[in-house]
């Protein structure tokens, strides 16, 4: 790709669409690259120092794609897959998860735009009054990023599923999740 193509793609508007089963093969490496392994270190959202192993697998992503109460959102720019997130309708609130932005593009404001669109969708399409998410408490920088976007720490914590390698192999013994919540006005 020449420099002109890269500039056009970088300035192209973001396009959002629901994922299909045909997207699963491309989604898994995107999610893995944002969270685990050396590739994730190109961005700031890496969990590589906290967890080894995989973040997800084709079965996990396909389950979200097929679930009638969930939506895996594909984010494209210039026709290229650059990010994704999971939304799950849970009655009066929506759950936000599996958020991944291509590591080399992190820090450009994409996350803020994608999160805003996810909140808009949950409010407009599902009537959600709150967005919920869980974040590993050791990820203070990420929690601070969400707090700057209106999410509040609840103090409600759940233990990390030690022994379940489907979600990673912990490198520490003190991992747990905290629920963050934002009212959707």
N, C-alpha and C. Protein backbone atom coordinates (compact mmCIF):
# COMPACT_ATOMS: atom_id res chain seq x y z
N UNK A 1 0.85 -1.17 0.00
CA UNK A 1 0.00 0.00 0.00
C UNK A 1 0.90 1.23 0.00
N UNK A 2 0.63 2.18 -0.91
CA UNK A 2 1.44 3.38 -0.93
C UNK A 2 0.93 4.39 0.10
N UNK A 3 1.69 5.48 0.27
CA UNK A 3 1.36 6.47 1.29
C UNK A 3 0.00 7.11 1.06
N UNK A 4 -0.35 7.37 -0.21
CA UNK A 4 -1.66 7.97 -0.51
C UNK A 4 -2.79 7.05 -0.08
N UNK A 5 -2.65 5.74 -0.35
CA UNK A 5 -3.67 4.77 0.08
C UNK A 5 -3.79 4.76 1.60
N UNK A 6 -2.67 4.78 2.29
CA UNK A 6 -2.68 4.76 3.75
C UNK A 6 -3.36 6.01 4.30
N UNK A 7 -3.13 7.16 3.69
CA UNK A 7 -3.75 8.41 4.14
C UNK A 7 -5.26 8.36 3.94
N UNK A 8 -5.70 7.89 2.78
CA UNK A 8 -7.13 7.78 2.51
C UNK A 8 -7.78 6.85 3.51
N UNK A 9 -7.17 5.70 3.75
CA UNK A 9 -7.75 4.76 4.71
C UNK A 9 -7.79 5.34 6.11
N UNK A 10 -6.75 6.07 6.49
CA UNK A 10 -6.69 6.63 7.84
C UNK A 10 -7.74 7.72 8.05
N UNK A 11 -8.15 8.39 6.98
CA UNK A 11 -9.12 9.47 7.11
C UNK A 11 -10.53 9.03 6.72
N UNK A 12 -10.67 7.81 6.23
CA UNK A 12 -11.99 7.30 5.84
C UNK A 12 -12.87 7.20 7.09
N UNK A 13 -14.18 7.40 6.92
CA UNK A 13 -15.08 7.30 8.08
C UNK A 13 -15.16 5.85 8.59
N UNK A 14 -15.50 5.72 9.84
CA UNK A 14 -15.69 4.40 10.42
C UNK A 14 -17.03 3.85 9.96
N UNK A 15 -17.05 2.57 9.64
CA UNK A 15 -18.28 1.88 9.25
C UNK A 15 -18.52 0.78 10.27
N UNK A 16 -19.75 0.71 10.78
CA UNK A 16 -20.14 -0.28 11.79
C UNK A 16 -21.15 -1.23 11.17
N UNK A 17 -20.99 -2.52 11.47
CA UNK A 17 -21.96 -3.50 11.00
C UNK A 17 -21.92 -4.71 11.91
N UNK A 18 -23.03 -5.47 11.96
CA UNK A 18 -23.03 -6.70 12.76
C UNK A 18 -22.15 -7.75 12.09
N UNK A 19 -21.43 -8.49 12.90
CA UNK A 19 -20.59 -9.58 12.38
C UNK A 19 -21.46 -10.74 11.96
N UNK A 20 -20.96 -11.49 11.01
CA UNK A 20 -21.60 -12.74 10.59
C UNK A 20 -20.62 -13.87 10.86
N UNK A 21 -21.08 -15.08 10.67
CA UNK A 21 -20.18 -16.22 10.89
C UNK A 21 -18.99 -16.16 9.95
N UNK A 22 -19.15 -15.56 8.78
CA UNK A 22 -18.03 -15.43 7.84
C UNK A 22 -16.93 -14.53 8.38
N UNK A 23 -17.22 -13.69 9.38
CA UNK A 23 -16.24 -12.77 9.96
C UNK A 23 -15.42 -13.39 11.09
N UNK A 24 -15.86 -14.52 11.61
CA UNK A 24 -15.21 -15.11 12.79
C UNK A 24 -13.72 -15.34 12.55
N UNK A 25 -13.37 -15.86 11.40
CA UNK A 25 -11.96 -16.17 11.11
C UNK A 25 -11.07 -14.93 11.19
N UNK A 26 -11.57 -13.77 10.82
CA UNK A 26 -10.80 -12.53 10.90
C UNK A 26 -10.86 -11.89 12.28
N UNK A 27 -11.96 -12.10 13.00
CA UNK A 27 -12.12 -11.49 14.32
C UNK A 27 -11.18 -12.08 15.37
N UNK A 28 -11.00 -13.38 15.36
CA UNK A 28 -10.18 -14.01 16.40
C UNK A 28 -8.76 -13.44 16.42
N UNK A 29 -8.04 -13.37 15.30
CA UNK A 29 -6.69 -12.80 15.38
C UNK A 29 -6.68 -11.31 15.75
N UNK A 30 -7.72 -10.56 15.36
CA UNK A 30 -7.79 -9.16 15.77
C UNK A 30 -7.87 -9.07 17.29
N UNK A 31 -8.78 -9.84 17.89
CA UNK A 31 -8.95 -9.82 19.35
C UNK A 31 -7.68 -10.28 20.05
N UNK A 32 -7.09 -11.36 19.57
CA UNK A 32 -5.85 -11.86 20.16
C UNK A 32 -4.75 -10.80 20.10
N UNK A 33 -4.62 -10.13 18.95
CA UNK A 33 -3.54 -9.15 18.78
C UNK A 33 -3.69 -7.95 19.71
N UNK A 34 -4.91 -7.64 20.11
CA UNK A 34 -5.13 -6.49 20.98
C UNK A 34 -4.85 -6.81 22.45
N UNK A 35 -4.90 -8.08 22.81
CA UNK A 35 -4.77 -8.44 24.22
C UNK A 35 -3.54 -9.27 24.59
N UNK A 36 -3.14 -10.18 23.73
CA UNK A 36 -2.13 -11.16 24.14
C UNK A 36 -0.95 -11.19 23.17
N UNK A 37 0.16 -11.69 23.70
CA UNK A 37 1.34 -11.91 22.88
C UNK A 37 2.08 -10.63 22.56
N UNK A 38 3.19 -10.79 21.86
CA UNK A 38 4.04 -9.66 21.53
C UNK A 38 3.34 -8.63 20.65
N UNK A 39 2.47 -9.07 19.75
CA UNK A 39 1.77 -8.12 18.87
C UNK A 39 0.97 -7.11 19.67
N UNK A 40 0.44 -7.53 20.82
CA UNK A 40 -0.39 -6.64 21.63
C UNK A 40 0.42 -5.50 22.25
N UNK A 41 1.73 -5.68 22.34
CA UNK A 41 2.57 -4.65 22.96
C UNK A 41 2.71 -3.40 22.09
N UNK A 42 2.28 -3.48 20.82
CA UNK A 42 2.30 -2.30 19.95
C UNK A 42 1.23 -1.30 20.38
N UNK A 43 0.23 -1.74 21.11
CA UNK A 43 -0.81 -0.86 21.62
C UNK A 43 -0.67 -0.69 23.12
N UNK A 44 -1.64 -0.01 23.72
CA UNK A 44 -1.55 0.22 25.16
C UNK A 44 -2.53 -0.65 25.95
N UNK A 45 -3.35 -1.45 25.30
CA UNK A 45 -4.35 -2.24 26.01
C UNK A 45 -3.93 -3.68 26.27
N UNK A 46 -2.68 -3.99 26.11
CA UNK A 46 -2.20 -5.36 26.27
C UNK A 46 -2.44 -5.92 27.67
N UNK A 47 -2.73 -7.20 27.70
CA UNK A 47 -2.80 -7.96 28.96
C UNK A 47 -1.64 -8.94 29.05
N UNK A 48 -0.68 -8.81 28.14
CA UNK A 48 0.40 -9.80 28.02
C UNK A 48 1.19 -9.99 29.31
N UNK A 49 1.31 -8.97 30.14
CA UNK A 49 2.03 -9.12 31.40
C UNK A 49 1.18 -9.77 32.48
N UNK A 50 -0.13 -9.81 32.28
CA UNK A 50 -1.04 -10.40 33.25
C UNK A 50 -1.44 -11.83 32.90
N UNK A 51 -1.59 -12.08 31.59
CA UNK A 51 -2.12 -13.36 31.14
C UNK A 51 -1.37 -13.86 29.90
N UNK A 52 -1.12 -15.13 29.87
CA UNK A 52 -0.59 -15.79 28.68
C UNK A 52 -1.74 -16.57 28.05
N UNK A 53 -1.45 -17.27 26.98
CA UNK A 53 -2.49 -18.07 26.34
C UNK A 53 -3.42 -17.21 25.53
N UNK A 54 -4.53 -17.77 25.17
CA UNK A 54 -5.45 -17.06 24.27
C UNK A 54 -6.48 -16.23 25.04
N UNK A 55 -7.03 -15.26 24.34
CA UNK A 55 -8.09 -14.41 24.89
C UNK A 55 -9.46 -14.98 24.51
N UNK A 56 -9.52 -15.55 23.29
CA UNK A 56 -10.76 -16.16 22.81
C UNK A 56 -10.41 -17.20 21.76
N UNK A 57 -11.43 -17.78 21.19
CA UNK A 57 -11.22 -18.77 20.13
C UNK A 57 -12.40 -18.68 19.16
N UNK A 58 -12.31 -19.36 18.01
CA UNK A 58 -13.41 -19.27 17.05
C UNK A 58 -14.76 -19.67 17.64
N UNK A 59 -14.79 -20.67 18.49
CA UNK A 59 -16.06 -21.09 19.11
C UNK A 59 -16.67 -19.98 19.95
N UNK A 60 -15.84 -19.31 20.75
CA UNK A 60 -16.32 -18.23 21.61
C UNK A 60 -16.88 -17.06 20.81
N UNK A 61 -16.18 -16.69 19.75
CA UNK A 61 -16.64 -15.58 18.92
C UNK A 61 -17.91 -15.98 18.17
N UNK A 62 -17.93 -17.18 17.62
CA UNK A 62 -19.12 -17.65 16.89
C UNK A 62 -20.34 -17.72 17.80
N UNK A 63 -20.15 -18.07 19.06
CA UNK A 63 -21.26 -18.11 20.01
C UNK A 63 -21.88 -16.72 20.16
N UNK A 64 -21.04 -15.70 20.25
CA UNK A 64 -21.55 -14.33 20.36
C UNK A 64 -22.29 -13.94 19.09
N UNK A 65 -21.72 -14.27 17.94
CA UNK A 65 -22.33 -13.92 16.66
C UNK A 65 -23.71 -14.55 16.52
N UNK A 66 -23.86 -15.78 16.99
CA UNK A 66 -25.13 -16.51 16.84
C UNK A 66 -26.19 -16.14 17.88
N UNK A 67 -25.78 -15.59 19.02
CA UNK A 67 -26.70 -15.32 20.13
C UNK A 67 -27.65 -14.18 19.77
N UNK A 68 -28.95 -14.44 19.84
CA UNK A 68 -29.94 -13.43 19.47
C UNK A 68 -29.95 -12.24 20.42
N UNK A 69 -29.39 -12.38 21.62
CA UNK A 69 -29.32 -11.27 22.57
C UNK A 69 -27.98 -10.53 22.53
N UNK A 70 -27.12 -10.93 21.61
CA UNK A 70 -25.80 -10.30 21.49
C UNK A 70 -25.61 -9.77 20.09
N UNK A 71 -24.67 -8.87 20.00
CA UNK A 71 -24.24 -8.38 18.70
C UNK A 71 -22.73 -8.18 18.75
N UNK A 72 -22.03 -8.86 17.86
CA UNK A 72 -20.61 -8.61 17.68
C UNK A 72 -20.54 -7.55 16.59
N UNK A 73 -19.99 -6.41 16.93
CA UNK A 73 -19.93 -5.28 16.01
C UNK A 73 -18.57 -5.24 15.34
N UNK A 74 -18.60 -5.20 14.02
CA UNK A 74 -17.39 -5.05 13.20
C UNK A 74 -17.21 -3.56 12.93
N UNK A 75 -15.98 -3.09 13.07
CA UNK A 75 -15.66 -1.70 12.73
C UNK A 75 -14.64 -1.74 11.61
N UNK A 76 -15.00 -1.08 10.52
CA UNK A 76 -14.11 -1.04 9.35
C UNK A 76 -13.82 0.41 9.00
N UNK A 77 -12.66 0.62 8.42
CA UNK A 77 -12.28 1.93 7.90
C UNK A 77 -11.61 1.68 6.56
N UNK A 78 -12.12 2.29 5.52
CA UNK A 78 -11.57 2.06 4.20
C UNK A 78 -11.67 0.62 3.77
N UNK A 79 -12.71 -0.08 4.24
CA UNK A 79 -12.91 -1.48 3.88
C UNK A 79 -12.08 -2.47 4.67
N UNK A 80 -11.30 -2.01 5.63
CA UNK A 80 -10.44 -2.90 6.43
C UNK A 80 -11.00 -3.06 7.84
N UNK A 81 -10.97 -4.28 8.35
CA UNK A 81 -11.36 -4.57 9.73
C UNK A 81 -10.31 -3.95 10.65
N UNK A 82 -10.75 -3.02 11.50
CA UNK A 82 -9.79 -2.38 12.41
C UNK A 82 -10.15 -2.55 13.88
N UNK A 83 -11.41 -2.92 14.16
CA UNK A 83 -11.83 -3.03 15.55
C UNK A 83 -13.12 -3.84 15.64
N UNK A 84 -13.46 -4.22 16.88
CA UNK A 84 -14.72 -4.91 17.13
C UNK A 84 -15.10 -4.74 18.59
N UNK A 85 -16.35 -5.03 18.89
CA UNK A 85 -16.80 -5.08 20.27
C UNK A 85 -18.04 -5.95 20.34
N UNK A 86 -18.29 -6.46 21.51
CA UNK A 86 -19.47 -7.27 21.77
C UNK A 86 -20.46 -6.45 22.58
N UNK A 87 -21.71 -6.51 22.20
CA UNK A 87 -22.80 -5.93 22.98
C UNK A 87 -23.77 -7.05 23.30
N UNK A 88 -24.23 -7.07 24.54
CA UNK A 88 -25.20 -8.08 24.94
C UNK A 88 -26.37 -7.40 25.62
N UNK A 89 -27.58 -7.68 25.16
CA UNK A 89 -28.80 -7.11 25.72
C UNK A 89 -29.15 -7.90 26.98
N UNK A 90 -29.19 -7.23 28.11
CA UNK A 90 -29.49 -7.88 29.39
C UNK A 90 -30.61 -7.13 30.10
N UNK A 91 -31.76 -7.08 29.46
CA UNK A 91 -32.90 -6.40 30.07
C UNK A 91 -32.73 -4.90 30.01
N UNK A 92 -32.67 -4.25 31.19
CA UNK A 92 -32.58 -2.79 31.21
C UNK A 92 -31.17 -2.26 30.97
N UNK A 93 -30.19 -3.15 30.88
CA UNK A 93 -28.83 -2.69 30.59
C UNK A 93 -28.22 -3.54 29.48
N UNK A 94 -27.12 -3.03 28.96
CA UNK A 94 -26.34 -3.76 27.95
C UNK A 94 -24.97 -4.03 28.53
N UNK A 95 -24.37 -5.14 28.11
CA UNK A 95 -23.02 -5.49 28.52
C UNK A 95 -22.08 -5.22 27.35
N UNK A 96 -20.95 -4.60 27.62
CA UNK A 96 -19.95 -4.27 26.62
C UNK A 96 -18.71 -5.11 26.88
N UNK A 97 -18.23 -5.82 25.87
CA UNK A 97 -17.04 -6.64 26.05
C UNK A 97 -16.34 -6.94 24.75
N UNK A 98 -15.34 -7.78 24.83
CA UNK A 98 -14.53 -8.24 23.70
C UNK A 98 -14.15 -7.06 22.79
N UNK A 99 -13.77 -5.96 23.40
CA UNK A 99 -13.42 -4.74 22.69
C UNK A 99 -11.98 -4.83 22.22
N UNK A 100 -11.77 -4.70 20.93
CA UNK A 100 -10.42 -4.81 20.38
C UNK A 100 -10.24 -3.79 19.27
N UNK A 101 -9.14 -3.05 19.35
CA UNK A 101 -8.72 -2.14 18.29
C UNK A 101 -7.34 -2.61 17.86
N UNK A 102 -7.12 -2.67 16.56
CA UNK A 102 -5.82 -3.08 16.04
C UNK A 102 -4.73 -2.31 16.80
N UNK A 103 -3.74 -3.00 17.38
CA UNK A 103 -2.75 -2.35 18.24
C UNK A 103 -2.05 -1.14 17.62
N UNK A 104 -1.68 -1.20 16.37
CA UNK A 104 -0.98 -0.08 15.73
C UNK A 104 -1.86 1.16 15.60
N UNK A 105 -3.17 1.01 15.76
CA UNK A 105 -4.11 2.14 15.63
C UNK A 105 -4.59 2.66 16.98
N UNK A 106 -4.19 2.01 18.06
CA UNK A 106 -4.62 2.45 19.38
C UNK A 106 -3.98 3.81 19.69
N UNK A 107 -4.71 4.63 20.41
CA UNK A 107 -4.22 5.96 20.77
C UNK A 107 -4.61 7.03 19.76
N UNK A 108 -5.42 6.67 18.76
CA UNK A 108 -5.84 7.63 17.74
C UNK A 108 -7.27 8.14 17.96
N UNK A 109 -7.91 7.76 19.06
CA UNK A 109 -9.27 8.20 19.32
C UNK A 109 -10.34 7.25 18.80
N UNK A 110 -9.93 6.14 18.21
CA UNK A 110 -10.90 5.18 17.69
C UNK A 110 -11.74 4.57 18.82
N UNK A 111 -11.11 4.21 19.90
CA UNK A 111 -11.81 3.57 21.01
C UNK A 111 -12.94 4.44 21.53
N UNK A 112 -12.68 5.73 21.67
CA UNK A 112 -13.71 6.66 22.15
C UNK A 112 -14.89 6.70 21.19
N UNK A 113 -14.62 6.75 19.88
CA UNK A 113 -15.69 6.79 18.88
C UNK A 113 -16.48 5.48 18.86
N UNK A 114 -15.79 4.36 18.98
CA UNK A 114 -16.46 3.06 18.95
C UNK A 114 -17.32 2.87 20.20
N UNK A 115 -16.79 3.23 21.34
CA UNK A 115 -17.55 3.13 22.59
C UNK A 115 -18.81 4.00 22.53
N UNK A 116 -18.68 5.21 22.00
CA UNK A 116 -19.84 6.10 21.87
C UNK A 116 -20.90 5.49 20.95
N UNK A 117 -20.48 4.87 19.87
CA UNK A 117 -21.45 4.23 18.96
C UNK A 117 -22.10 3.03 19.64
N UNK A 118 -21.34 2.26 20.40
CA UNK A 118 -21.91 1.11 21.12
C UNK A 118 -22.97 1.58 22.12
N UNK A 119 -22.68 2.66 22.84
CA UNK A 119 -23.63 3.21 23.80
C UNK A 119 -24.89 3.71 23.08
N UNK A 120 -24.70 4.41 21.96
CA UNK A 120 -25.83 4.91 21.18
C UNK A 120 -26.73 3.77 20.73
N UNK A 121 -26.11 2.71 20.21
CA UNK A 121 -26.86 1.56 19.73
C UNK A 121 -27.65 0.92 20.88
N UNK A 122 -27.00 0.67 22.01
CA UNK A 122 -27.66 0.02 23.15
C UNK A 122 -28.86 0.83 23.63
N UNK A 123 -28.72 2.13 23.64
CA UNK A 123 -29.81 3.01 24.08
C UNK A 123 -30.93 3.05 23.04
N UNK A 124 -30.56 3.27 21.77
CA UNK A 124 -31.56 3.47 20.71
C UNK A 124 -32.25 2.17 20.30
N UNK A 125 -31.51 1.08 20.19
CA UNK A 125 -32.08 -0.17 19.67
C UNK A 125 -32.65 -1.08 20.76
N UNK A 126 -32.05 -1.06 21.93
CA UNK A 126 -32.49 -1.95 22.99
C UNK A 126 -33.15 -1.22 24.15
N UNK A 127 -33.11 0.09 24.17
CA UNK A 127 -33.68 0.85 25.28
C UNK A 127 -32.90 0.69 26.57
N UNK A 128 -31.63 0.34 26.46
CA UNK A 128 -30.80 0.14 27.65
C UNK A 128 -30.61 1.47 28.38
N UNK A 129 -30.70 1.43 29.69
CA UNK A 129 -30.51 2.64 30.49
C UNK A 129 -29.11 2.71 31.09
N UNK A 130 -28.38 1.59 31.03
CA UNK A 130 -27.00 1.56 31.53
C UNK A 130 -26.17 0.65 30.65
N UNK A 131 -24.86 0.92 30.63
CA UNK A 131 -23.89 0.02 30.01
C UNK A 131 -23.04 -0.54 31.14
N UNK A 132 -22.86 -1.86 31.12
CA UNK A 132 -22.04 -2.55 32.11
C UNK A 132 -20.84 -3.18 31.41
N UNK A 133 -19.76 -3.31 32.14
CA UNK A 133 -18.59 -4.04 31.66
C UNK A 133 -17.79 -4.50 32.86
N UNK A 134 -16.97 -5.51 32.65
CA UNK A 134 -16.05 -5.93 33.70
C UNK A 134 -14.64 -5.77 33.18
N UNK A 135 -13.76 -5.29 34.06
CA UNK A 135 -12.36 -5.04 33.71
C UNK A 135 -11.50 -5.64 34.81
N UNK A 136 -10.37 -6.22 34.42
CA UNK A 136 -9.43 -6.76 35.41
C UNK A 136 -8.92 -5.59 36.24
N UNK A 137 -9.02 -5.69 37.56
CA UNK A 137 -8.69 -4.57 38.44
C UNK A 137 -7.23 -4.13 38.33
N UNK A 138 -6.34 -5.02 37.95
CA UNK A 138 -4.93 -4.66 37.80
C UNK A 138 -4.69 -3.73 36.61
N UNK A 139 -5.69 -3.55 35.78
CA UNK A 139 -5.54 -2.71 34.59
C UNK A 139 -5.99 -1.27 34.89
N UNK A 140 -5.30 -0.64 35.82
CA UNK A 140 -5.66 0.70 36.30
C UNK A 140 -5.71 1.73 35.17
N UNK A 141 -4.79 1.68 34.22
CA UNK A 141 -4.77 2.65 33.12
C UNK A 141 -6.03 2.50 32.26
N UNK A 142 -6.45 1.27 32.03
CA UNK A 142 -7.66 1.04 31.23
C UNK A 142 -8.90 1.49 32.00
N UNK A 143 -8.95 1.18 33.29
CA UNK A 143 -10.08 1.62 34.11
C UNK A 143 -10.16 3.15 34.11
N UNK A 144 -9.02 3.81 34.22
CA UNK A 144 -9.00 5.28 34.20
C UNK A 144 -9.52 5.80 32.86
N UNK A 145 -9.21 5.13 31.76
CA UNK A 145 -9.70 5.52 30.43
C UNK A 145 -11.23 5.45 30.41
N UNK A 146 -11.79 4.35 30.93
CA UNK A 146 -13.25 4.22 30.98
C UNK A 146 -13.87 5.25 31.92
N UNK A 147 -13.22 5.54 33.03
CA UNK A 147 -13.75 6.55 33.95
C UNK A 147 -13.83 7.92 33.27
N UNK A 148 -12.85 8.24 32.42
CA UNK A 148 -12.89 9.51 31.69
C UNK A 148 -14.04 9.56 30.69
N UNK A 149 -14.61 8.42 30.38
CA UNK A 149 -15.75 8.34 29.47
C UNK A 149 -17.06 8.12 30.22
N UNK A 150 -17.06 8.36 31.53
CA UNK A 150 -18.29 8.34 32.30
C UNK A 150 -18.61 7.06 33.03
N UNK A 151 -17.73 6.06 32.98
CA UNK A 151 -17.97 4.81 33.70
C UNK A 151 -17.51 4.96 35.14
N UNK A 152 -18.24 4.33 36.04
CA UNK A 152 -17.91 4.40 37.46
C UNK A 152 -17.60 3.01 37.99
N UNK A 153 -16.59 2.96 38.83
CA UNK A 153 -16.28 1.71 39.52
C UNK A 153 -17.37 1.45 40.54
N UNK A 154 -17.82 0.20 40.61
CA UNK A 154 -18.89 -0.13 41.55
C UNK A 154 -18.38 -0.77 42.82
N UNK A 155 -17.16 -1.28 42.80
CA UNK A 155 -16.64 -2.04 43.93
C UNK A 155 -17.10 -3.48 43.91
N UNK A 156 -18.00 -3.80 42.98
CA UNK A 156 -18.49 -5.18 42.84
C UNK A 156 -17.45 -5.99 42.07
N UNK A 157 -16.87 -6.95 42.74
CA UNK A 157 -15.78 -7.73 42.14
C UNK A 157 -16.14 -9.20 42.03
N UNK A 158 -15.58 -9.81 41.02
CA UNK A 158 -15.74 -11.26 40.82
C UNK A 158 -14.35 -11.85 40.60
N UNK A 159 -14.14 -13.06 41.08
CA UNK A 159 -12.82 -13.67 40.93
C UNK A 159 -12.50 -14.03 39.48
N UNK A 160 -11.22 -14.00 39.15
CA UNK A 160 -10.78 -14.46 37.84
C UNK A 160 -10.96 -15.98 37.80
N UNK A 161 -11.38 -16.53 36.66
CA UNK A 161 -11.60 -17.98 36.59
C UNK A 161 -10.30 -18.77 36.44
N UNK A 162 -9.52 -18.79 37.52
CA UNK A 162 -8.27 -19.55 37.51
C UNK A 162 -8.57 -21.00 37.15
N UNK A 163 -7.71 -21.58 36.33
CA UNK A 163 -7.88 -22.96 35.91
C UNK A 163 -8.65 -23.12 34.61
N UNK A 164 -9.27 -22.05 34.12
CA UNK A 164 -10.00 -22.10 32.85
C UNK A 164 -9.12 -21.48 31.78
N UNK A 165 -8.35 -22.29 31.11
CA UNK A 165 -7.41 -21.79 30.12
C UNK A 165 -8.08 -21.21 28.88
N UNK A 166 -9.40 -21.38 28.74
CA UNK A 166 -10.10 -20.75 27.61
C UNK A 166 -10.04 -19.24 27.71
N UNK A 167 -9.82 -18.69 28.90
CA UNK A 167 -9.75 -17.25 29.07
C UNK A 167 -8.35 -16.76 29.37
N UNK A 168 -7.38 -17.65 29.31
CA UNK A 168 -5.99 -17.25 29.53
C UNK A 168 -5.34 -17.98 30.69
N UNK A 169 -4.02 -17.89 30.70
CA UNK A 169 -3.22 -18.50 31.75
C UNK A 169 -2.63 -17.36 32.59
N UNK A 170 -3.12 -17.20 33.81
CA UNK A 170 -2.69 -16.07 34.65
C UNK A 170 -1.19 -16.11 34.95
N UNK A 171 -0.59 -14.95 34.93
CA UNK A 171 0.81 -14.78 35.32
C UNK A 171 0.92 -14.24 36.74
N UNK A 172 -0.26 -13.95 37.35
CA UNK A 172 -0.32 -13.42 38.71
C UNK A 172 -1.43 -14.14 39.47
N UNK A 173 -1.35 -14.08 40.78
CA UNK A 173 -2.35 -14.77 41.61
C UNK A 173 -3.40 -13.83 42.18
N UNK A 174 -3.36 -12.55 41.83
CA UNK A 174 -4.26 -11.56 42.43
C UNK A 174 -5.27 -10.98 41.44
N UNK A 175 -5.58 -11.70 40.37
CA UNK A 175 -6.46 -11.16 39.35
C UNK A 175 -7.94 -11.29 39.75
N UNK A 176 -8.68 -10.25 39.48
CA UNK A 176 -10.13 -10.24 39.67
C UNK A 176 -10.72 -9.19 38.75
N UNK A 177 -12.03 -9.26 38.56
CA UNK A 177 -12.74 -8.32 37.72
C UNK A 177 -13.54 -7.35 38.58
N UNK A 178 -13.72 -6.14 38.08
CA UNK A 178 -14.61 -5.19 38.74
C UNK A 178 -15.64 -4.72 37.72
N UNK A 179 -16.87 -4.60 38.18
CA UNK A 179 -17.96 -4.11 37.36
C UNK A 179 -17.88 -2.59 37.26
N UNK A 180 -17.89 -2.07 36.02
CA UNK A 180 -17.98 -0.64 35.75
C UNK A 180 -19.34 -0.38 35.12
N UNK A 181 -19.97 0.73 35.46
CA UNK A 181 -21.31 1.04 34.98
C UNK A 181 -21.37 2.50 34.56
N UNK A 182 -22.14 2.72 33.47
CA UNK A 182 -22.39 4.08 33.00
C UNK A 182 -23.87 4.23 32.68
N UNK A 183 -24.52 5.26 33.23
CA UNK A 183 -25.90 5.52 32.83
C UNK A 183 -25.91 5.99 31.37
N UNK A 184 -26.89 5.54 30.61
CA UNK A 184 -27.03 5.97 29.22
C UNK A 184 -28.19 6.95 29.14
N UNK A 185 -27.88 8.23 29.13
CA UNK A 185 -28.91 9.28 29.12
C UNK A 185 -29.51 9.44 27.76
